[in-house]
Amino acid sequence: MEPRLILASGSQSRRQMLVSAGVAFDVVPSNVDEAALKHEMEVELIYGPGFPVTEAVTLAGEKACEVSRRYPAALVIGADQTLWISARQRTLDKPTSIDEARQHLELMRGHSHTLHSAVALAQGGEIVWRHVVAAHLTMRNVSDAFLDDYLARTGDAVLSSVGCYQLEGLGIQLFERIEGDYFTILGMPLLPLLEELRRRKVIPT
């Protein structure tokens, strides 16, 4: 029997959000080539403050649709998150090494950045609902010694986050100000998603 609700993501934080909320679902990671799709968007779209929103919404939708085409009767959740540093006029992707994570943290320290978290629902290979929310975070002008200690203590865990931090842990010490929904920062706007699932009678009202 085909599952009723699928999360098209291997993200542990997104999975844990739904588990903690008591939502029953299956996990089927999407096969979307994110790097290729991002490159295509960078070529076709105007790169600027509006780009990260478009990127997050597009990737969330593509992930949901790809899995939905394999499980057309199910409702599929796709999600994506982008990070924009306005002072640098650039986005950041997940780091691939500790050295790259340090470079990203050096770019962000002393500046504000914006996380755009998008979520989409697909059924029958088509988007049926989508939502995007922004959160704004200001990083302290942390010292080199702090970064050395932070990276030594967190290790490879920093590679799982686009911003190289987990607010539920040591990452909270990086910041002086945070404006936005906690779940949005974790990687998925959970409250709007739960409301839409209730509206569709996928979960109890």
N, C-alpha and C. Protein backbone atom coordinates (compact mmCIF):
# COMPACT_ATOMS: atom_id res chain seq x y z
N MET A 1 0.85 -1.20 0.00
CA MET A 1 0.00 0.00 0.00
C MET A 1 0.88 1.25 0.00
N GLU A 2 0.57 2.18 -0.87
CA GLU A 2 1.38 3.39 -0.99
C GLU A 2 1.22 4.27 0.26
N PRO A 3 2.34 4.80 0.78
CA PRO A 3 2.25 5.65 1.97
C PRO A 3 1.42 6.90 1.69
N ARG A 4 0.77 7.41 2.74
CA ARG A 4 -0.08 8.58 2.59
C ARG A 4 0.72 9.87 2.58
N LEU A 5 1.81 9.90 3.35
CA LEU A 5 2.62 11.12 3.47
C LEU A 5 4.09 10.72 3.40
N ILE A 6 4.84 11.42 2.55
CA ILE A 6 6.27 11.13 2.35
C ILE A 6 7.08 12.40 2.54
N LEU A 7 8.20 12.28 3.24
CA LEU A 7 9.18 13.36 3.33
C LEU A 7 10.27 13.07 2.32
N ALA A 8 10.42 13.95 1.33
CA ALA A 8 11.41 13.75 0.26
C ALA A 8 12.74 14.34 0.65
N SER A 9 13.26 13.92 1.80
CA SER A 9 14.49 14.50 2.31
C SER A 9 15.15 13.53 3.27
N GLY A 10 16.48 13.48 3.21
CA GLY A 10 17.23 12.67 4.16
C GLY A 10 17.69 13.48 5.36
N SER A 11 17.26 14.74 5.45
CA SER A 11 17.67 15.63 6.55
C SER A 11 17.18 15.11 7.89
N GLN A 12 18.12 14.91 8.80
CA GLN A 12 17.77 14.42 10.13
C GLN A 12 16.93 15.45 10.89
N SER A 13 17.25 16.74 10.74
CA SER A 13 16.51 17.77 11.48
C SER A 13 15.06 17.86 11.01
N ARG A 14 14.83 17.77 9.69
CA ARG A 14 13.45 17.81 9.18
C ARG A 14 12.67 16.57 9.61
N ARG A 15 13.34 15.44 9.56
CA ARG A 15 12.70 14.20 10.01
C ARG A 15 12.32 14.30 11.49
N GLN A 16 13.24 14.82 12.30
CA GLN A 16 12.98 14.91 13.74
C GLN A 16 11.86 15.88 14.05
N MET A 17 11.75 16.97 13.27
CA MET A 17 10.65 17.91 13.48
C MET A 17 9.30 17.23 13.35
N LEU A 18 9.15 16.43 12.30
CA LEU A 18 7.88 15.76 12.06
C LEU A 18 7.63 14.66 13.08
N VAL A 19 8.68 13.94 13.44
CA VAL A 19 8.54 12.89 14.46
C VAL A 19 8.10 13.51 15.78
N SER A 20 8.76 14.59 16.19
CA SER A 20 8.42 15.24 17.46
C SER A 20 7.01 15.80 17.45
N ALA A 21 6.52 16.19 16.26
CA ALA A 21 5.16 16.72 16.15
C ALA A 21 4.12 15.61 16.08
N GLY A 22 4.56 14.36 16.09
CA GLY A 22 3.64 13.25 16.08
C GLY A 22 3.04 12.93 14.72
N VAL A 23 3.72 13.32 13.66
CA VAL A 23 3.22 13.09 12.30
C VAL A 23 3.74 11.74 11.79
N ALA A 24 2.85 10.92 11.24
CA ALA A 24 3.24 9.65 10.64
C ALA A 24 3.62 9.87 9.18
N PHE A 25 4.79 9.40 8.77
CA PHE A 25 5.26 9.62 7.41
C PHE A 25 6.33 8.60 7.07
N ASP A 26 6.61 8.48 5.78
CA ASP A 26 7.73 7.68 5.29
C ASP A 26 8.78 8.62 4.72
N VAL A 27 10.00 8.16 4.66
CA VAL A 27 11.10 8.95 4.11
C VAL A 27 11.55 8.34 2.79
N VAL A 28 11.52 9.16 1.73
CA VAL A 28 12.03 8.75 0.42
C VAL A 28 12.85 9.93 -0.11
N PRO A 29 14.16 9.95 0.10
CA PRO A 29 14.98 11.07 -0.39
C PRO A 29 14.85 11.24 -1.89
N SER A 30 14.84 12.49 -2.34
CA SER A 30 14.71 12.77 -3.77
C SER A 30 16.01 12.50 -4.50
N ASN A 31 15.92 12.29 -5.80
CA ASN A 31 17.09 12.09 -6.64
C ASN A 31 17.43 13.34 -7.45
N VAL A 32 16.92 14.49 -7.03
CA VAL A 32 17.19 15.73 -7.74
C VAL A 32 18.68 16.07 -7.66
N ASP A 33 19.27 16.44 -8.78
CA ASP A 33 20.66 16.89 -8.82
C ASP A 33 20.67 18.37 -8.44
N GLU A 34 20.83 18.63 -7.15
CA GLU A 34 20.73 20.00 -6.65
C GLU A 34 21.80 20.91 -7.25
N ALA A 35 23.02 20.41 -7.36
CA ALA A 35 24.11 21.23 -7.89
C ALA A 35 23.82 21.66 -9.33
N ALA A 36 23.33 20.74 -10.14
CA ALA A 36 23.03 21.06 -11.53
C ALA A 36 21.89 22.06 -11.63
N LEU A 37 20.87 21.87 -10.79
CA LEU A 37 19.72 22.77 -10.81
C LEU A 37 20.11 24.17 -10.34
N LYS A 38 20.95 24.25 -9.31
CA LYS A 38 21.42 25.55 -8.83
C LYS A 38 22.22 26.26 -9.92
N HIS A 39 23.08 25.52 -10.60
CA HIS A 39 23.88 26.12 -11.67
C HIS A 39 22.97 26.64 -12.78
N GLU A 40 21.96 25.88 -13.11
CA GLU A 40 21.02 26.31 -14.15
C GLU A 40 20.31 27.60 -13.75
N MET A 41 19.90 27.69 -12.50
CA MET A 41 19.22 28.90 -12.03
C MET A 41 20.16 30.09 -12.00
N GLU A 42 21.42 29.87 -11.62
CA GLU A 42 22.39 30.96 -11.59
C GLU A 42 22.64 31.52 -12.98
N VAL A 43 22.56 30.65 -13.99
CA VAL A 43 22.76 31.10 -15.37
C VAL A 43 21.54 31.86 -15.88
N GLU A 44 20.34 31.38 -15.52
CA GLU A 44 19.11 31.92 -16.10
C GLU A 44 18.52 33.10 -15.32
N LEU A 45 18.77 33.17 -14.01
CA LEU A 45 18.13 34.19 -13.17
C LEU A 45 19.10 35.30 -12.81
N ILE A 46 18.54 36.43 -12.41
CA ILE A 46 19.35 37.55 -11.94
C ILE A 46 19.80 37.25 -10.52
N TYR A 47 21.12 37.24 -10.31
CA TYR A 47 21.67 36.92 -9.00
C TYR A 47 21.60 38.17 -8.12
N GLY A 48 20.89 38.09 -7.02
CA GLY A 48 20.72 39.22 -6.12
C GLY A 48 19.91 38.80 -4.93
N PRO A 49 19.43 39.76 -4.12
CA PRO A 49 18.70 39.43 -2.90
C PRO A 49 17.47 38.54 -3.12
N GLY A 50 16.84 38.64 -4.30
CA GLY A 50 15.66 37.82 -4.56
C GLY A 50 15.99 36.40 -4.99
N PHE A 51 17.25 36.18 -5.37
CA PHE A 51 17.65 34.87 -5.89
C PHE A 51 17.50 33.75 -4.86
N PRO A 52 17.93 33.95 -3.60
CA PRO A 52 17.84 32.85 -2.63
C PRO A 52 16.40 32.38 -2.39
N VAL A 53 15.44 33.30 -2.46
CA VAL A 53 14.04 32.91 -2.28
C VAL A 53 13.60 32.00 -3.42
N THR A 54 13.90 32.42 -4.64
CA THR A 54 13.55 31.63 -5.82
C THR A 54 14.23 30.26 -5.77
N GLU A 55 15.49 30.26 -5.37
CA GLU A 55 16.24 29.00 -5.31
C GLU A 55 15.62 28.04 -4.30
N ALA A 56 15.30 28.53 -3.10
CA ALA A 56 14.72 27.67 -2.07
C ALA A 56 13.37 27.11 -2.49
N VAL A 57 12.51 27.98 -3.05
CA VAL A 57 11.18 27.55 -3.47
C VAL A 57 11.27 26.54 -4.62
N THR A 58 12.15 26.81 -5.58
CA THR A 58 12.30 25.91 -6.73
C THR A 58 12.82 24.55 -6.31
N LEU A 59 13.85 24.52 -5.48
CA LEU A 59 14.43 23.25 -5.06
C LEU A 59 13.46 22.44 -4.21
N ALA A 60 12.74 23.10 -3.32
CA ALA A 60 11.74 22.39 -2.50
C ALA A 60 10.70 21.74 -3.40
N GLY A 61 10.23 22.49 -4.40
CA GLY A 61 9.21 21.97 -5.31
C GLY A 61 9.73 20.84 -6.18
N GLU A 62 10.96 20.97 -6.67
CA GLU A 62 11.54 19.93 -7.52
C GLU A 62 11.73 18.63 -6.75
N LYS A 63 12.17 18.74 -5.51
CA LYS A 63 12.35 17.54 -4.68
C LYS A 63 11.01 16.83 -4.45
N ALA A 64 9.98 17.61 -4.11
CA ALA A 64 8.66 17.03 -3.87
C ALA A 64 8.11 16.38 -5.13
N CYS A 65 8.25 17.05 -6.27
CA CYS A 65 7.70 16.53 -7.52
C CYS A 65 8.42 15.27 -7.98
N GLU A 66 9.74 15.22 -7.81
CA GLU A 66 10.49 14.05 -8.26
C GLU A 66 10.02 12.80 -7.52
N VAL A 67 9.84 12.90 -6.22
CA VAL A 67 9.37 11.74 -5.45
C VAL A 67 7.89 11.48 -5.74
N SER A 68 7.14 12.54 -5.94
CA SER A 68 5.70 12.40 -6.21
C SER A 68 5.43 11.65 -7.51
N ARG A 69 6.31 11.81 -8.48
CA ARG A 69 6.14 11.07 -9.73
C ARG A 69 6.32 9.57 -9.52
N ARG A 70 7.08 9.20 -8.49
CA ARG A 70 7.26 7.78 -8.18
C ARG A 70 6.14 7.24 -7.30
N TYR A 71 5.54 8.13 -6.50
CA TYR A 71 4.45 7.75 -5.59
C TYR A 71 3.29 8.73 -5.80
N PRO A 72 2.61 8.64 -6.93
CA PRO A 72 1.62 9.67 -7.32
C PRO A 72 0.43 9.82 -6.39
N ALA A 73 0.05 8.79 -5.67
CA ALA A 73 -1.12 8.89 -4.79
C ALA A 73 -0.78 9.53 -3.44
N ALA A 74 0.49 9.54 -3.09
CA ALA A 74 0.91 10.09 -1.80
C ALA A 74 1.02 11.61 -1.85
N LEU A 75 1.00 12.22 -0.68
CA LEU A 75 1.29 13.64 -0.55
C LEU A 75 2.76 13.73 -0.13
N VAL A 76 3.55 14.45 -0.92
CA VAL A 76 5.00 14.46 -0.72
C VAL A 76 5.47 15.83 -0.26
N ILE A 77 6.27 15.83 0.79
CA ILE A 77 6.84 17.06 1.34
C ILE A 77 8.25 17.25 0.81
N GLY A 78 8.49 18.40 0.19
CA GLY A 78 9.85 18.78 -0.23
C GLY A 78 10.25 20.04 0.51
N ALA A 79 11.52 20.17 0.86
CA ALA A 79 11.97 21.35 1.59
C ALA A 79 13.37 21.73 1.16
N ASP A 80 13.68 23.02 1.29
CA ASP A 80 15.03 23.48 0.99
C ASP A 80 15.28 24.77 1.76
N GLN A 81 16.56 25.06 1.98
CA GLN A 81 16.94 26.26 2.71
C GLN A 81 18.13 26.91 2.03
N THR A 82 18.10 28.23 1.91
CA THR A 82 19.23 28.97 1.36
C THR A 82 19.69 30.04 2.35
N LEU A 83 20.94 30.43 2.22
CA LEU A 83 21.53 31.43 3.12
C LEU A 83 22.09 32.57 2.28
N TRP A 84 21.70 33.79 2.62
CA TRP A 84 22.14 35.00 1.90
C TRP A 84 22.81 35.96 2.87
N ILE A 85 24.05 36.35 2.55
CA ILE A 85 24.76 37.36 3.34
C ILE A 85 24.69 38.67 2.58
N SER A 86 23.87 39.59 3.06
CA SER A 86 23.66 40.83 2.31
C SER A 86 24.95 41.66 2.21
N ALA A 87 25.75 41.68 3.28
CA ALA A 87 26.97 42.48 3.26
C ALA A 87 27.98 41.95 2.24
N ARG A 88 27.88 40.67 1.95
CA ARG A 88 28.78 40.03 0.98
C ARG A 88 28.13 39.87 -0.40
N GLN A 89 26.80 40.08 -0.44
CA GLN A 89 26.04 39.91 -1.68
C GLN A 89 26.28 38.53 -2.29
N ARG A 90 26.14 37.51 -1.44
CA ARG A 90 26.35 36.16 -1.93
C ARG A 90 25.61 35.14 -1.08
N THR A 91 25.37 33.99 -1.68
CA THR A 91 24.78 32.87 -0.97
C THR A 91 25.89 31.91 -0.53
N LEU A 92 25.54 31.02 0.41
CA LEU A 92 26.45 29.96 0.82
C LEU A 92 25.74 28.62 0.72
N ASP A 93 26.45 27.60 0.28
CA ASP A 93 25.94 26.24 0.29
C ASP A 93 26.53 25.50 1.48
N LYS A 94 26.06 24.29 1.72
CA LYS A 94 26.63 23.48 2.79
C LYS A 94 28.13 23.28 2.53
N PRO A 95 28.95 23.44 3.55
CA PRO A 95 30.39 23.22 3.35
C PRO A 95 30.68 21.74 3.13
N THR A 96 31.73 21.47 2.43
CA THR A 96 32.10 20.08 2.14
C THR A 96 33.30 19.62 2.97
N SER A 97 33.87 20.54 3.75
CA SER A 97 35.02 20.19 4.60
C SER A 97 35.06 21.15 5.78
N ILE A 98 35.83 20.79 6.81
CA ILE A 98 35.98 21.67 7.97
C ILE A 98 36.66 22.98 7.56
N ASP A 99 37.62 22.91 6.66
CA ASP A 99 38.29 24.13 6.19
C ASP A 99 37.30 25.07 5.50
N GLU A 100 36.41 24.50 4.69
CA GLU A 100 35.40 25.32 4.01
C GLU A 100 34.40 25.88 5.02
N ALA A 101 34.06 25.10 6.03
CA ALA A 101 33.16 25.58 7.08
C ALA A 101 33.77 26.79 7.79
N ARG A 102 35.06 26.74 8.05
CA ARG A 102 35.71 27.88 8.68
C ARG A 102 35.66 29.10 7.78
N GLN A 103 35.89 28.92 6.49
CA GLN A 103 35.80 30.04 5.55
C GLN A 103 34.41 30.65 5.57
N HIS A 104 33.38 29.81 5.62
CA HIS A 104 32.01 30.31 5.66
C HIS A 104 31.75 31.10 6.95
N LEU A 105 32.21 30.57 8.06
CA LEU A 105 32.01 31.26 9.34
C LEU A 105 32.75 32.59 9.36
N GLU A 106 33.92 32.65 8.75
CA GLU A 106 34.67 33.90 8.67
C GLU A 106 33.93 34.93 7.81
N LEU A 107 33.25 34.47 6.77
CA LEU A 107 32.46 35.37 5.94
C LEU A 107 31.26 35.92 6.70
N MET A 108 30.67 35.10 7.57
CA MET A 108 29.44 35.50 8.29
C MET A 108 29.69 36.29 9.56
N ARG A 109 30.84 36.11 10.19
CA ARG A 109 31.03 36.73 11.50
C ARG A 109 31.01 38.26 11.40
N GLY A 110 30.33 38.85 12.36
CA GLY A 110 30.18 40.30 12.39
C GLY A 110 29.12 40.82 11.45
N HIS A 111 28.40 39.93 10.76
CA HIS A 111 27.39 40.34 9.79
C HIS A 111 26.06 39.61 10.04
N SER A 112 25.01 40.16 9.45
CA SER A 112 23.71 39.49 9.46
C SER A 112 23.57 38.66 8.20
N HIS A 113 22.84 37.57 8.32
CA HIS A 113 22.50 36.79 7.14
C HIS A 113 21.04 36.36 7.24
N THR A 114 20.48 36.00 6.10
CA THR A 114 19.07 35.61 6.03
C THR A 114 18.96 34.17 5.56
N LEU A 115 18.17 33.39 6.32
CA LEU A 115 17.85 32.03 5.91
C LEU A 115 16.46 32.03 5.29
N HIS A 116 16.33 31.51 4.10
CA HIS A 116 15.04 31.34 3.45
C HIS A 116 14.73 29.85 3.46
N SER A 117 13.69 29.46 4.19
CA SER A 117 13.29 28.06 4.26
C SER A 117 11.97 27.88 3.52
N ALA A 118 11.99 26.98 2.55
CA ALA A 118 10.80 26.73 1.73
C ALA A 118 10.33 25.30 1.92
N VAL A 119 9.01 25.13 1.85
CA VAL A 119 8.41 23.80 1.91
C VAL A 119 7.35 23.71 0.82
N ALA A 120 7.23 22.55 0.21
CA ALA A 120 6.24 22.35 -0.85
C ALA A 120 5.58 20.99 -0.67
N LEU A 121 4.34 20.91 -1.11
CA LEU A 121 3.61 19.64 -1.15
C LEU A 121 3.31 19.32 -2.60
N ALA A 122 3.55 18.07 -2.98
CA ALA A 122 3.25 17.63 -4.34
C ALA A 122 2.41 16.37 -4.30
N GLN A 123 1.57 16.23 -5.30
CA GLN A 123 0.76 15.01 -5.46
C GLN A 123 0.55 14.78 -6.96
N GLY A 124 0.69 13.53 -7.38
CA GLY A 124 0.55 13.24 -8.80
C GLY A 124 1.59 13.94 -9.65
N GLY A 125 2.74 14.25 -9.07
CA GLY A 125 3.81 14.90 -9.83
C GLY A 125 3.65 16.40 -9.99
N GLU A 126 2.67 16.99 -9.29
CA GLU A 126 2.42 18.44 -9.42
C GLU A 126 2.43 19.10 -8.04
N ILE A 127 2.92 20.34 -8.00
CA ILE A 127 2.88 21.12 -6.76
C ILE A 127 1.44 21.48 -6.44
N VAL A 128 1.03 21.20 -5.20
CA VAL A 128 -0.33 21.56 -4.78
C VAL A 128 -0.33 22.64 -3.70
N TRP A 129 0.86 22.91 -3.12
CA TRP A 129 0.96 23.95 -2.08
C TRP A 129 2.43 24.23 -1.84
N ARG A 130 2.74 25.51 -1.53
CA ARG A 130 4.12 25.85 -1.18
C ARG A 130 4.13 27.05 -0.24
N HIS A 131 5.22 27.18 0.50
CA HIS A 131 5.33 28.27 1.47
C HIS A 131 6.81 28.54 1.71
N VAL A 132 7.16 29.81 1.91
CA VAL A 132 8.55 30.17 2.21
C VAL A 132 8.56 31.22 3.30
N VAL A 133 9.51 31.09 4.22
CA VAL A 133 9.63 32.00 5.37
C VAL A 133 11.11 32.38 5.52
N ALA A 134 11.35 33.61 5.98
CA ALA A 134 12.72 34.08 6.20
C ALA A 134 13.00 34.28 7.68
N ALA A 135 14.24 34.04 8.06
CA ALA A 135 14.72 34.34 9.41
C ALA A 135 16.03 35.11 9.26
N HIS A 136 16.25 36.06 10.17
CA HIS A 136 17.44 36.91 10.09
C HIS A 136 18.30 36.69 11.34
N LEU A 137 19.56 36.41 11.12
CA LEU A 137 20.48 36.11 12.21
C LEU A 137 21.72 36.99 12.12
N THR A 138 22.14 37.53 13.25
CA THR A 138 23.35 38.36 13.30
C THR A 138 24.41 37.63 14.11
N MET A 139 25.53 37.35 13.46
CA MET A 139 26.60 36.61 14.11
C MET A 139 27.56 37.56 14.83
N ARG A 140 28.00 37.17 16.01
CA ARG A 140 28.99 37.95 16.74
C ARG A 140 30.29 38.02 15.94
N ASN A 141 31.07 39.02 16.22
CA ASN A 141 32.39 39.11 15.61
C ASN A 141 33.34 38.24 16.42
N VAL A 142 33.13 36.93 16.29
CA VAL A 142 33.85 35.97 17.12
C VAL A 142 35.33 35.95 16.77
N SER A 143 36.13 35.58 17.76
CA SER A 143 37.58 35.56 17.57
C SER A 143 38.01 34.31 16.82
N ASP A 144 39.24 34.36 16.30
CA ASP A 144 39.79 33.17 15.64
C ASP A 144 39.89 32.02 16.63
N ALA A 145 40.25 32.34 17.87
CA ALA A 145 40.38 31.29 18.89
C ALA A 145 39.03 30.63 19.16
N PHE A 146 37.95 31.44 19.15
CA PHE A 146 36.62 30.86 19.35
C PHE A 146 36.28 29.92 18.20
N LEU A 147 36.57 30.33 16.97
CA LEU A 147 36.29 29.49 15.81
C LEU A 147 37.07 28.18 15.88
N ASP A 148 38.33 28.26 16.29
CA ASP A 148 39.15 27.05 16.43
C ASP A 148 38.49 26.08 17.41
N ASP A 149 38.09 26.60 18.56
CA ASP A 149 37.47 25.77 19.59
C ASP A 149 36.12 25.24 19.13
N TYR A 150 35.33 26.11 18.49
CA TYR A 150 34.00 25.72 18.01
C TYR A 150 34.09 24.57 17.00
N LEU A 151 34.96 24.68 16.04
CA LEU A 151 35.09 23.66 15.00
C LEU A 151 35.67 22.37 15.57
N ALA A 152 36.57 22.49 16.54
CA ALA A 152 37.14 21.29 17.17
C ALA A 152 36.07 20.53 17.95
N ARG A 153 35.17 21.27 18.60
CA ARG A 153 34.14 20.64 19.44
C ARG A 153 32.96 20.11 18.64
N THR A 154 32.64 20.78 17.53
CA THR A 154 31.49 20.33 16.74
C THR A 154 31.86 19.30 15.69
N GLY A 155 33.07 19.37 15.17
CA GLY A 155 33.52 18.39 14.19
C GLY A 155 32.68 18.38 12.93
N ASP A 156 32.49 17.19 12.37
CA ASP A 156 31.80 17.06 11.08
C ASP A 156 30.32 17.44 11.15
N ALA A 157 29.79 17.63 12.34
CA ALA A 157 28.38 18.02 12.47
C ALA A 157 28.10 19.35 11.78
N VAL A 158 29.11 20.22 11.66
CA VAL A 158 28.90 21.52 11.01
C VAL A 158 28.63 21.36 9.52
N LEU A 159 29.00 20.22 8.95
CA LEU A 159 28.84 20.01 7.51
C LEU A 159 27.40 19.70 7.14
N SER A 160 26.54 19.46 8.12
CA SER A 160 25.14 19.11 7.85
C SER A 160 24.25 20.33 7.75
N SER A 161 24.79 21.50 8.01
CA SER A 161 23.99 22.73 8.03
C SER A 161 24.56 23.75 7.06
N VAL A 162 23.68 24.44 6.33
CA VAL A 162 24.13 25.44 5.38
C VAL A 162 24.87 26.57 6.07
N GLY A 163 24.52 26.83 7.34
CA GLY A 163 25.19 27.91 8.07
C GLY A 163 26.28 27.45 9.00
N CYS A 164 26.58 26.16 9.01
CA CYS A 164 27.62 25.58 9.87
C CYS A 164 27.29 25.70 11.35
N TYR A 165 26.02 25.65 11.68
CA TYR A 165 25.63 25.73 13.09
C TYR A 165 24.32 24.98 13.33
N GLN A 166 24.17 24.54 14.57
CA GLN A 166 22.90 24.00 15.06
C GLN A 166 22.54 24.81 16.31
N LEU A 167 21.43 25.55 16.21
CA LEU A 167 21.06 26.43 17.32
C LEU A 167 20.74 25.67 18.58
N GLU A 168 20.35 24.40 18.43
CA GLU A 168 20.01 23.61 19.61
C GLU A 168 21.25 23.16 20.38
N GLY A 169 22.43 23.49 19.87
CA GLY A 169 23.68 23.11 20.52
C GLY A 169 24.62 24.29 20.65
N LEU A 170 25.91 24.01 20.48
CA LEU A 170 26.96 25.02 20.66
C LEU A 170 26.82 26.19 19.69
N GLY A 171 26.15 25.97 18.56
CA GLY A 171 26.00 27.02 17.57
C GLY A 171 25.32 28.28 18.06
N ILE A 172 24.52 28.16 19.11
CA ILE A 172 23.82 29.34 19.64
C ILE A 172 24.82 30.39 20.11
N GLN A 173 26.02 29.98 20.50
CA GLN A 173 27.01 30.93 21.00
C GLN A 173 27.61 31.81 19.89
N LEU A 174 27.32 31.49 18.66
CA LEU A 174 27.82 32.30 17.56
C LEU A 174 27.07 33.62 17.40
N PHE A 175 25.88 33.72 18.00
CA PHE A 175 24.97 34.81 17.64
C PHE A 175 24.74 35.84 18.73
N GLU A 176 24.50 37.07 18.27
CA GLU A 176 24.11 38.14 19.18
C GLU A 176 22.64 38.50 19.03
N ARG A 177 22.05 38.17 17.87
CA ARG A 177 20.62 38.48 17.66
C ARG A 177 20.03 37.51 16.65
N ILE A 178 18.80 37.05 16.95
CA ILE A 178 18.08 36.15 16.05
C ILE A 178 16.65 36.63 15.92
N GLU A 179 16.19 36.80 14.69
CA GLU A 179 14.82 37.22 14.43
C GLU A 179 14.19 36.20 13.47
N GLY A 180 13.24 35.44 13.98
CA GLY A 180 12.59 34.48 13.11
C GLY A 180 12.15 33.23 13.86
N ASP A 181 11.39 32.44 13.16
CA ASP A 181 10.83 31.22 13.71
C ASP A 181 11.92 30.15 13.87
N TYR A 182 11.92 29.48 15.00
CA TYR A 182 12.93 28.48 15.31
C TYR A 182 12.95 27.36 14.28
N PHE A 183 11.78 26.87 13.87
CA PHE A 183 11.71 25.77 12.92
C PHE A 183 12.20 26.19 11.53
N THR A 184 11.96 27.45 11.19
CA THR A 184 12.47 27.98 9.93
C THR A 184 13.99 27.91 9.91
N ILE A 185 14.60 28.24 11.03
CA ILE A 185 16.06 28.20 11.13
C ILE A 185 16.57 26.76 11.06
N LEU A 186 15.81 25.84 11.62
CA LEU A 186 16.21 24.44 11.57
C LEU A 186 16.12 23.86 10.15
N GLY A 187 15.31 24.51 9.27
CA GLY A 187 15.31 24.05 7.89
C GLY A 187 13.96 23.78 7.26
N MET A 188 12.86 24.04 8.00
CA MET A 188 11.54 23.83 7.40
C MET A 188 10.50 24.60 8.20
N PRO A 189 9.67 25.43 7.55
CA PRO A 189 8.62 26.17 8.27
C PRO A 189 7.51 25.20 8.71
N LEU A 190 7.66 24.67 9.91
CA LEU A 190 6.82 23.56 10.38
C LEU A 190 5.37 23.96 10.64
N LEU A 191 5.15 25.10 11.27
CA LEU A 191 3.78 25.47 11.64
C LEU A 191 2.87 25.66 10.42
N PRO A 192 3.29 26.38 9.37
CA PRO A 192 2.45 26.46 8.17
C PRO A 192 2.22 25.09 7.53
N LEU A 193 3.24 24.23 7.56
CA LEU A 193 3.08 22.89 6.99
C LEU A 193 2.04 22.09 7.77
N LEU A 194 2.11 22.12 9.09
CA LEU A 194 1.15 21.39 9.90
C LEU A 194 -0.27 21.90 9.66
N GLU A 195 -0.42 23.21 9.53
CA GLU A 195 -1.75 23.79 9.27
C GLU A 195 -2.29 23.30 7.94
N GLU A 196 -1.44 23.22 6.92
CA GLU A 196 -1.89 22.74 5.61
C GLU A 196 -2.23 21.25 5.66
N LEU A 197 -1.46 20.47 6.40
CA LEU A 197 -1.77 19.05 6.54
C LEU A 197 -3.10 18.84 7.27
N ARG A 198 -3.39 19.70 8.24
CA ARG A 198 -4.69 19.62 8.92
C ARG A 198 -5.81 20.00 7.97
N ARG A 199 -5.57 21.05 7.17
CA ARG A 199 -6.60 21.48 6.22
C ARG A 199 -6.93 20.38 5.22
N ARG A 200 -5.92 19.60 4.87
CA ARG A 200 -6.13 18.51 3.93
C ARG A 200 -6.55 17.21 4.62
N LYS A 201 -6.72 17.28 5.95
CA LYS A 201 -7.16 16.14 6.76
C LYS A 201 -6.18 14.97 6.70
N VAL A 202 -4.91 15.31 6.54
CA VAL A 202 -3.85 14.30 6.59
C VAL A 202 -3.49 13.97 8.03
N ILE A 203 -3.58 14.98 8.89
CA ILE A 203 -3.39 14.79 10.32
C ILE A 203 -4.63 15.33 11.05
N PRO A 204 -4.87 14.89 12.28
CA PRO A 204 -6.09 15.30 13.00
C PRO A 204 -6.20 16.81 13.18
N THR A 205 -7.41 17.32 13.12
CA THR A 205 -7.66 18.74 13.34
C THR A 205 -7.96 19.04 14.79
